[in-house]
């Protein structure tokens, strides 16, 4: 796997990181996303200590979305029964 700041350490795809491209981090997709990238990556590292994610590498949008899906609590299954009246 390529250890590059421009590649995701999980899937090795381009991570589209603005900071790795020399741009302002405030314009990066991770700052503008609905997820807290830092918090999700911390949770991922706790769950998968063998994963080698360092401070110089950002994950890609797809992997961050997968982390968010994995960390969301399962929604309860609710069945609604409509009573029929005769």
PDB file of N, CA and C in Angstrom:
ATOM      1  N   UNK A   1       0.844  -1.178   0.000  1.00  0.00           N
ATOM      2  CA  UNK A   1       0.000   0.000   0.000  1.00  0.00           C
ATOM      3  C   UNK A   1       0.889   1.241   0.000  1.00  0.00           C
ATOM      4  N   UNK A   2       0.476   2.256  -0.725  1.00  0.00           N
ATOM      5  CA  UNK A   2       1.221   3.494  -0.828  1.00  0.00           C
ATOM      6  C   UNK A   2       1.039   4.331   0.427  1.00  0.00           C
ATOM      7  N   UNK A   3       2.131   4.696   1.070  1.00  0.00           N
ATOM      8  CA  UNK A   3       2.044   5.565   2.239  1.00  0.00           C
ATOM      9  C   UNK A   3       2.224   7.003   1.782  1.00  0.00           C
ATOM     10  N   UNK A   4       1.147   7.570   1.294  1.00  0.00           N
ATOM     11  CA  UNK A   4       1.162   8.924   0.775  1.00  0.00           C
ATOM     12  C   UNK A   4       0.089   9.734   1.483  1.00  0.00           C
ATOM     13  N   UNK A   5       0.356  11.011   1.700  1.00  0.00           N
ATOM     14  CA  UNK A   5      -0.642  11.877   2.323  1.00  0.00           C
ATOM     15  C   UNK A   5      -1.863  12.050   1.432  1.00  0.00           C
ATOM     16  N   UNK A   6      -1.718  11.733   0.147  1.00  0.00           N
ATOM     17  CA  UNK A   6      -2.831  11.907  -0.794  1.00  0.00           C
ATOM     18  C   UNK A   6      -3.669  10.643  -0.962  1.00  0.00           C
ATOM     19  N   UNK A   7      -3.301   9.572  -0.266  1.00  0.00           N
ATOM     20  CA  UNK A   7      -4.039   8.312  -0.366  1.00  0.00           C
ATOM     21  C   UNK A   7      -4.648   7.939   0.975  1.00  0.00           C
ATOM     22  N   UNK A   8      -5.815   7.314   0.913  1.00  0.00           N
ATOM     23  CA  UNK A   8      -6.488   6.830   2.109  1.00  0.00           C
ATOM     24  C   UNK A   8      -5.704   5.646   2.667  1.00  0.00           C
ATOM     25  N   UNK A   9      -5.407   5.644   3.969  1.00  0.00           N
ATOM     26  CA  UNK A   9      -4.652   4.538   4.553  1.00  0.00           C
ATOM     27  C   UNK A   9      -5.454   3.245   4.664  1.00  0.00           C
ATOM     28  N   UNK A  10      -6.756   3.320   4.442  1.00  0.00           N
ATOM     29  CA  UNK A  10      -7.591   2.133   4.548  1.00  0.00           C
ATOM     30  C   UNK A  10      -7.761   1.456   3.194  1.00  0.00           C
ATOM     31  N   UNK A  11      -8.145   2.231   2.171  1.00  0.00           N
ATOM     32  CA  UNK A  11      -8.429   1.626   0.858  1.00  0.00           C
ATOM     33  C   UNK A  11      -7.404   2.001  -0.211  1.00  0.00           C
ATOM     34  N   UNK A  12      -6.491   2.891   0.084  1.00  0.00           N
ATOM     35  CA  UNK A  12      -5.418   3.342  -0.803  1.00  0.00           C
ATOM     36  C   UNK A  12      -5.903   4.148  -2.012  1.00  0.00           C
ATOM     37  N   UNK A  13      -7.145   4.603  -1.976  1.00  0.00           N
ATOM     38  CA  UNK A  13      -7.653   5.475  -3.033  1.00  0.00           C
ATOM     39  C   UNK A  13      -7.282   6.924  -2.695  1.00  0.00           C
ATOM     40  N   UNK A  14      -7.380   7.806  -3.675  1.00  0.00           N
ATOM     41  CA  UNK A  14      -7.126   9.229  -3.426  1.00  0.00           C
ATOM     42  C   UNK A  14      -8.113   9.726  -2.375  1.00  0.00           C
ATOM     43  N   UNK A  15      -7.612  10.468  -1.400  1.00  0.00           N
ATOM     44  CA  UNK A  15      -8.483  10.930  -0.322  1.00  0.00           C
ATOM     45  C   UNK A  15      -9.058  12.324  -0.547  1.00  0.00           C
ATOM     46  N   UNK A  16      -8.604  13.005  -1.596  1.00  0.00           N
ATOM     47  CA  UNK A  16      -9.099  14.344  -1.926  1.00  0.00           C
ATOM     48  C   UNK A  16      -8.860  15.349  -0.801  1.00  0.00           C
ATOM     49  N   UNK A  17      -7.797  15.153  -0.041  1.00  0.00           N
ATOM     50  CA  UNK A  17      -7.473  16.033   1.077  1.00  0.00           C
ATOM     51  C   UNK A  17      -6.908  17.359   0.556  1.00  0.00           C
ATOM     52  N   UNK A  18      -7.531  18.446   0.928  1.00  0.00           N
ATOM     53  CA  UNK A  18      -7.073  19.772   0.497  1.00  0.00           C
ATOM     54  C   UNK A  18      -5.718  20.113   1.125  1.00  0.00           C
ATOM     55  N   UNK A  19      -5.522  19.747   2.371  1.00  0.00           N
ATOM     56  CA  UNK A  19      -4.272  20.047   3.054  1.00  0.00           C
ATOM     57  C   UNK A  19      -3.115  19.296   2.407  1.00  0.00           C
ATOM     58  N   UNK A  20      -3.334  18.041   2.008  1.00  0.00           N
ATOM     59  CA  UNK A  20      -2.292  17.258   1.344  1.00  0.00           C
ATOM     60  C   UNK A  20      -1.971  17.836  -0.032  1.00  0.00           C
ATOM     61  N   UNK A  21      -2.943  18.570  -0.610  1.00  0.00           N
ATOM     62  CA  UNK A  21      -2.738  19.196  -1.916  1.00  0.00           C
ATOM     63  C   UNK A  21      -2.222  20.622  -1.801  1.00  0.00           C
ATOM     64  N   UNK A  22      -1.895  21.043  -0.582  1.00  0.00           N
ATOM     65  CA  UNK A  22      -1.374  22.386  -0.373  1.00  0.00           C
ATOM     66  C   UNK A  22      -2.439  23.464  -0.275  1.00  0.00           C
ATOM     67  N   UNK A  23      -3.690  23.073  -0.137  1.00  0.00           N
ATOM     68  CA  UNK A  23      -4.803  24.023  -0.027  1.00  0.00           C
ATOM     69  C   UNK A  23      -5.126  24.280   1.448  1.00  0.00           C
ATOM     70  N   UNK A  24      -6.024  25.202   1.675  1.00  0.00           N
ATOM     71  CA  UNK A  24      -6.487  25.532   3.026  1.00  0.00           C
ATOM     72  C   UNK A  24      -7.361  24.393   3.549  1.00  0.00           C
ATOM     73  N   UNK A  25      -7.054  23.893   4.733  1.00  0.00           N
ATOM     74  CA  UNK A  25      -7.803  22.782   5.321  1.00  0.00           C
ATOM     75  C   UNK A  25      -9.280  23.144   5.516  1.00  0.00           C
ATOM     76  N   UNK A  26      -9.587  24.412   5.673  1.00  0.00           N
ATOM     77  CA  UNK A  26     -10.983  24.818   5.879  1.00  0.00           C
ATOM     78  C   UNK A  26     -11.845  24.616   4.632  1.00  0.00           C
ATOM     79  N   UNK A  27     -11.216  24.368   3.492  1.00  0.00           N
ATOM     80  CA  UNK A  27     -11.970  24.107   2.266  1.00  0.00           C
ATOM     81  C   UNK A  27     -12.090  22.612   1.986  1.00  0.00           C
ATOM     82  N   UNK A  28     -11.568  21.792   2.866  1.00  0.00           N
ATOM     83  CA  UNK A  28     -11.561  20.345   2.642  1.00  0.00           C
ATOM     84  C   UNK A  28     -12.955  19.757   2.842  1.00  0.00           C
ATOM     85  N   UNK A  29     -13.223  18.700   2.111  1.00  0.00           N
ATOM     86  CA  UNK A  29     -14.509  18.016   2.204  1.00  0.00           C
ATOM     87  C   UNK A  29     -14.782  17.507   3.609  1.00  0.00           C
ATOM     88  N   UNK A  30     -13.734  17.116   4.332  1.00  0.00           N
ATOM     89  CA  UNK A  30     -13.952  16.546   5.675  1.00  0.00           C
ATOM     90  C   UNK A  30     -14.454  17.596   6.662  1.00  0.00           C
ATOM     91  N   UNK A  31     -14.032  18.841   6.476  1.00  0.00           N
ATOM     92  CA  UNK A  31     -14.493  19.921   7.349  1.00  0.00           C
ATOM     93  C   UNK A  31     -15.942  20.268   7.011  1.00  0.00           C
ATOM     94  N   UNK A  32     -16.285  20.131   5.742  1.00  0.00           N
ATOM     95  CA  UNK A  32     -17.618  20.487   5.277  1.00  0.00           C
ATOM     96  C   UNK A  32     -18.611  19.328   5.353  1.00  0.00           C
ATOM     97  N   UNK A  33     -18.152  18.143   5.763  1.00  0.00           N
ATOM     98  CA  UNK A  33     -19.035  16.979   5.798  1.00  0.00           C
ATOM     99  C   UNK A  33     -19.936  17.005   7.023  1.00  0.00           C
ATOM    100  N   UNK A  34     -20.911  16.130   7.017  1.00  0.00           N
ATOM    101  CA  UNK A  34     -21.835  16.008   8.149  1.00  0.00           C
ATOM    102  C   UNK A  34     -21.224  15.222   9.296  1.00  0.00           C
ATOM    103  N   UNK A  35     -20.066  14.620   9.064  1.00  0.00           N
ATOM    104  CA  UNK A  35     -19.424  13.767  10.061  1.00  0.00           C
ATOM    105  C   UNK A  35     -18.268  14.500  10.720  1.00  0.00           C
ATOM    106  N   UNK A  36     -17.966  14.120  11.937  1.00  0.00           N
ATOM    107  CA  UNK A  36     -16.755  14.591  12.598  1.00  0.00           C
ATOM    108  C   UNK A  36     -15.652  13.591  12.262  1.00  0.00           C
ATOM    109  N   UNK A  37     -14.845  13.941  11.279  1.00  0.00           N
ATOM    110  CA  UNK A  37     -13.802  13.023  10.805  1.00  0.00           C
ATOM    111  C   UNK A  37     -12.866  12.617  11.930  1.00  0.00           C
ATOM    112  N   UNK A  38     -12.441  13.565  12.732  1.00  0.00           N
ATOM    113  CA  UNK A  38     -11.495  13.278  13.808  1.00  0.00           C
ATOM    114  C   UNK A  38     -12.091  12.276  14.790  1.00  0.00           C
ATOM    115  N   UNK A  39     -13.333  12.485  15.173  1.00  0.00           N
ATOM    116  CA  UNK A  39     -13.987  11.594  16.139  1.00  0.00           C
ATOM    117  C   UNK A  39     -14.193  10.201  15.550  1.00  0.00           C
ATOM    118  N   UNK A  40     -14.635  10.129  14.304  1.00  0.00           N
ATOM    119  CA  UNK A  40     -14.851   8.822  13.673  1.00  0.00           C
ATOM    120  C   UNK A  40     -13.548   8.050  13.505  1.00  0.00           C
ATOM    121  N   UNK A  41     -12.486   8.751  13.158  1.00  0.00           N
ATOM    122  CA  UNK A  41     -11.194   8.073  12.996  1.00  0.00           C
ATOM    123  C   UNK A  41     -10.677   7.574  14.346  1.00  0.00           C
ATOM    124  N   UNK A  42     -10.879   8.347  15.401  1.00  0.00           N
ATOM    125  CA  UNK A  42     -10.485   7.895  16.747  1.00  0.00           C
ATOM    126  C   UNK A  42     -11.240   6.625  17.123  1.00  0.00           C
ATOM    127  N   UNK A  43     -12.544   6.609  16.864  1.00  0.00           N
ATOM    128  CA  UNK A  43     -13.351   5.422  17.175  1.00  0.00           C
ATOM    129  C   UNK A  43     -12.883   4.221  16.349  1.00  0.00           C
ATOM    130  N   UNK A  44     -12.585   4.465  15.076  1.00  0.00           N
ATOM    131  CA  UNK A  44     -12.118   3.400  14.198  1.00  0.00           C
ATOM    132  C   UNK A  44     -10.807   2.822  14.709  1.00  0.00           C
ATOM    133  N   UNK A  45      -9.893   3.688  15.131  1.00  0.00           N
ATOM    134  CA  UNK A  45      -8.597   3.226  15.642  1.00  0.00           C
ATOM    135  C   UNK A  45      -8.755   2.421  16.923  1.00  0.00           C
ATOM    136  N   UNK A  46      -9.729   2.776  17.753  1.00  0.00           N
ATOM    137  CA  UNK A  46      -9.987   1.995  18.964  1.00  0.00           C
ATOM    138  C   UNK A  46     -10.551   0.620  18.611  1.00  0.00           C
ATOM    139  N   UNK A  47     -11.433   0.582  17.635  1.00  0.00           N
ATOM    140  CA  UNK A  47     -12.042  -0.683  17.226  1.00  0.00           C
ATOM    141  C   UNK A  47     -11.083  -1.561  16.431  1.00  0.00           C
ATOM    142  N   UNK A  48     -10.179  -0.922  15.680  1.00  0.00           N
ATOM    143  CA  UNK A  48      -9.236  -1.646  14.821  1.00  0.00           C
ATOM    144  C   UNK A  48      -7.810  -1.145  15.090  1.00  0.00           C
ATOM    145  N   UNK A  49      -7.234  -1.540  16.234  1.00  0.00           N
ATOM    146  CA  UNK A  49      -5.895  -1.047  16.584  1.00  0.00           C
ATOM    147  C   UNK A  49      -4.804  -1.451  15.598  1.00  0.00           C
ATOM    148  N   UNK A  50      -5.058  -2.486  14.810  1.00  0.00           N
ATOM    149  CA  UNK A  50      -4.079  -2.914  13.823  1.00  0.00           C
ATOM    150  C   UNK A  50      -4.047  -1.984  12.604  1.00  0.00           C
ATOM    151  N   UNK A  51      -5.047  -1.127  12.451  1.00  0.00           N
ATOM    152  CA  UNK A  51      -5.086  -0.185  11.324  1.00  0.00           C
ATOM    153  C   UNK A  51      -3.995   0.861  11.507  1.00  0.00           C
ATOM    154  N   UNK A  52      -3.275   1.108  10.444  1.00  0.00           N
ATOM    155  CA  UNK A  52      -2.179   2.082  10.547  1.00  0.00           C
ATOM    156  C   UNK A  52      -2.605   3.398   9.910  1.00  0.00           C
ATOM    157  N   UNK A  53      -3.241   4.231  10.710  1.00  0.00           N
ATOM    158  CA  UNK A  53      -3.631   5.570  10.277  1.00  0.00           C
ATOM    159  C   UNK A  53      -2.782   6.539  11.071  1.00  0.00           C
ATOM    160  N   UNK A  54      -2.006   7.349  10.354  1.00  0.00           N
ATOM    161  CA  UNK A  54      -1.176   8.317  11.065  1.00  0.00           C
ATOM    162  C   UNK A  54      -1.651   9.732  10.774  1.00  0.00           C
ATOM    163  N   UNK A  55      -1.064  10.681  11.442  1.00  0.00           N
ATOM    164  CA  UNK A  55      -1.483  12.080  11.343  1.00  0.00           C
ATOM    165  C   UNK A  55      -1.251  12.676   9.963  1.00  0.00           C
ATOM    166  N   UNK A  56      -0.401  12.076   9.155  1.00  0.00           N
ATOM    167  CA  UNK A  56      -0.116  12.608   7.829  1.00  0.00           C
ATOM    168  C   UNK A  56      -1.068  12.080   6.754  1.00  0.00           C
ATOM    169  N   UNK A  57      -1.931  11.139   7.101  1.00  0.00           N
ATOM    170  CA  UNK A  57      -2.845  10.567   6.127  1.00  0.00           C
ATOM    171  C   UNK A  57      -4.291  10.787   6.543  1.00  0.00           C
ATOM    172  N   UNK A  58      -5.101  11.201   5.594  1.00  0.00           N
ATOM    173  CA  UNK A  58      -6.531  11.345   5.820  1.00  0.00           C
ATOM    174  C   UNK A  58      -7.249  10.210   5.113  1.00  0.00           C
ATOM    175  N   UNK A  59      -8.390   9.836   5.627  1.00  0.00           N
ATOM    176  CA  UNK A  59      -9.182   8.817   4.967  1.00  0.00           C
ATOM    177  C   UNK A  59      -9.996   9.465   3.848  1.00  0.00           C
ATOM    178  N   UNK A  60     -10.522   8.667   2.945  1.00  0.00           N
ATOM    179  CA  UNK A  60     -11.329   9.182   1.843  1.00  0.00           C
ATOM    180  C   UNK A  60     -12.793   9.320   2.291  1.00  0.00           C
ATOM    181  N   UNK A  61     -13.581   9.963   1.449  1.00  0.00           N
ATOM    182  CA  UNK A  61     -14.998  10.169   1.761  1.00  0.00           C
ATOM    183  C   UNK A  61     -15.736   8.859   1.942  1.00  0.00           C
ATOM    184  N   UNK A  62     -15.438   7.886   1.097  1.00  0.00           N
ATOM    185  CA  UNK A  62     -16.113   6.596   1.169  1.00  0.00           C
ATOM    186  C   UNK A  62     -15.812   5.875   2.480  1.00  0.00           C
ATOM    187  N   UNK A  63     -14.557   5.850   2.877  1.00  0.00           N
ATOM    188  CA  UNK A  63     -14.188   5.177   4.131  1.00  0.00           C
ATOM    189  C   UNK A  63     -14.753   5.916   5.343  1.00  0.00           C
ATOM    190  N   UNK A  64     -14.780   7.257   5.301  1.00  0.00           N
ATOM    191  CA  UNK A  64     -15.346   8.010   6.413  1.00  0.00           C
ATOM    192  C   UNK A  64     -16.840   7.737   6.525  1.00  0.00           C
ATOM    193  N   UNK A  65     -17.534   7.662   5.398  1.00  0.00           N
ATOM    194  CA  UNK A  65     -18.968   7.347   5.422  1.00  0.00           C
ATOM    195  C   UNK A  65     -19.195   5.942   5.988  1.00  0.00           C
ATOM    196  N   UNK A  66     -18.319   5.001   5.626  1.00  0.00           N
ATOM    197  CA  UNK A  66     -18.422   3.644   6.163  1.00  0.00           C
ATOM    198  C   UNK A  66     -18.189   3.641   7.671  1.00  0.00           C
ATOM    199  N   UNK A  67     -17.226   4.430   8.135  1.00  0.00           N
ATOM    200  CA  UNK A  67     -16.990   4.550   9.579  1.00  0.00           C
ATOM    201  C   UNK A  67     -18.227   5.097  10.281  1.00  0.00           C
ATOM    202  N   UNK A  68     -18.863   6.078   9.671  1.00  0.00           N
ATOM    203  CA  UNK A  68     -20.064   6.671  10.267  1.00  0.00           C
ATOM    204  C   UNK A  68     -21.179   5.635  10.344  1.00  0.00           C
ATOM    205  N   UNK A  69     -21.358   4.862   9.283  1.00  0.00           N
ATOM    206  CA  UNK A  69     -22.393   3.822   9.297  1.00  0.00           C
ATOM    207  C   UNK A  69     -22.114   2.782  10.375  1.00  0.00           C
ATOM    208  N   UNK A  70     -20.853   2.430  10.554  1.00  0.00           N
ATOM    209  CA  UNK A  70     -20.492   1.426  11.559  1.00  0.00           C
ATOM    210  C   UNK A  70     -20.683   1.949  12.974  1.00  0.00           C
ATOM    211  N   UNK A  71     -20.542   3.249  13.178  1.00  0.00           N
ATOM    212  CA  UNK A  71     -20.613   3.780  14.536  1.00  0.00           C
ATOM    213  C   UNK A  71     -22.010   4.245  14.927  1.00  0.00           C
ATOM    214  N   UNK A  72     -22.915   4.341  13.953  1.00  0.00           N
ATOM    215  CA  UNK A  72     -24.279   4.738  14.288  1.00  0.00           C
ATOM    216  C   UNK A  72     -24.984   3.602  14.999  1.00  0.00           C
ATOM    217  N   UNK A  73     -25.745   3.915  16.034  1.00  0.00           N
ATOM    218  CA  UNK A  73     -26.486   2.850  16.713  1.00  0.00           C
ATOM    219  C   UNK A  73     -27.550   2.286  15.772  1.00  0.00           C
ATOM    220  N   UNK A  74     -27.778   1.013  15.908  1.00  0.00           N
ATOM    221  CA  UNK A  74     -28.797   0.364  15.079  1.00  0.00           C
ATOM    222  C   UNK A  74     -30.165   0.934  15.427  1.00  0.00           C
ATOM    223  N   UNK A  75     -30.928   1.222  14.423  1.00  0.00           N
ATOM    224  CA  UNK A  75     -32.273   1.737  14.654  1.00  0.00           C
ATOM    225  C   UNK A  75     -33.191   0.598  15.056  1.00  0.00           C
ATOM    226  N   UNK A  76     -34.039   0.819  16.051  1.00  0.00           N
ATOM    227  CA  UNK A  76     -34.941  -0.255  16.464  1.00  0.00           C
ATOM    228  C   UNK A  76     -35.961  -0.532  15.361  1.00  0.00           C
ATOM    229  N   UNK A  77     -36.295  -1.776  15.250  1.00  0.00           N
ATOM    230  CA  UNK A  77     -37.314  -2.163  14.276  1.00  0.00           C
ATOM    231  C   UNK A  77     -38.666  -1.991  14.944  1.00  0.00           C
ATOM    232  N   UNK A  78     -39.502  -1.198  14.334  1.00  0.00           N
ATOM    233  CA  UNK A  78     -40.830  -0.934  14.885  1.00  0.00           C
ATOM    234  C   UNK A  78     -41.855  -1.428  13.897  1.00  0.00           C
ATOM    235  N   UNK A  79     -42.766  -2.214  14.369  1.00  0.00           N
ATOM    236  CA  UNK A  79     -43.855  -2.676  13.531  1.00  0.00           C
ATOM    237  C   UNK A  79     -45.134  -2.018  14.028  1.00  0.00           C
ATOM    238  N   UNK A  80     -45.838  -1.483  13.097  1.00  0.00           N
ATOM    239  CA  UNK A  80     -47.106  -0.844  13.438  1.00  0.00           C
ATOM    240  C   UNK A  80     -48.231  -1.723  12.905  1.00  0.00           C
ATOM    241  N   UNK A  81     -49.081  -2.106  13.799  1.00  0.00           N
ATOM    242  CA  UNK A  81     -50.224  -2.927  13.413  1.00  0.00           C
ATOM    243  C   UNK A  81     -51.463  -2.059  13.443  1.00  0.00           C
ATOM    244  N   UNK A  82     -52.173  -2.095  12.372  1.00  0.00           N
ATOM    245  CA  UNK A  82     -53.418  -1.334  12.289  1.00  0.00           C
ATOM    246  C   UNK A  82     -54.548  -2.290  12.604  1.00  0.00           C
ATOM    247  N   UNK A  83     -55.305  -1.942  13.601  1.00  0.00           N
ATOM    248  CA  UNK A  83     -56.411  -2.816  13.939  1.00  0.00           C
ATOM    249  C   UNK A  83     -57.566  -2.553  12.983  1.00  0.00           C
ATOM    250  N   UNK A  84     -58.141  -3.611  12.566  1.00  0.00           N
ATOM    251  CA  UNK A  84     -59.277  -3.466  11.641  1.00  0.00           C
ATOM    252  C   UNK A  84     -60.571  -3.596  12.436  1.00  0.00           C
ATOM    253  N   UNK A  85     -61.489  -2.744  12.125  1.00  0.00           N
ATOM    254  CA  UNK A  85     -62.772  -2.818  12.797  1.00  0.00           C
ATOM    255  C   UNK A  85     -63.802  -3.310  11.785  1.00  0.00           C
ATOM    256  N   UNK A  86     -64.650  -4.170  12.237  1.00  0.00           N
ATOM    257  CA  UNK A  86     -65.658  -4.733  11.332  1.00  0.00           C
ATOM    258  C   UNK A  86     -66.938  -3.963  11.396  1.00  0.00           C
TER     259      UNK A  86
END
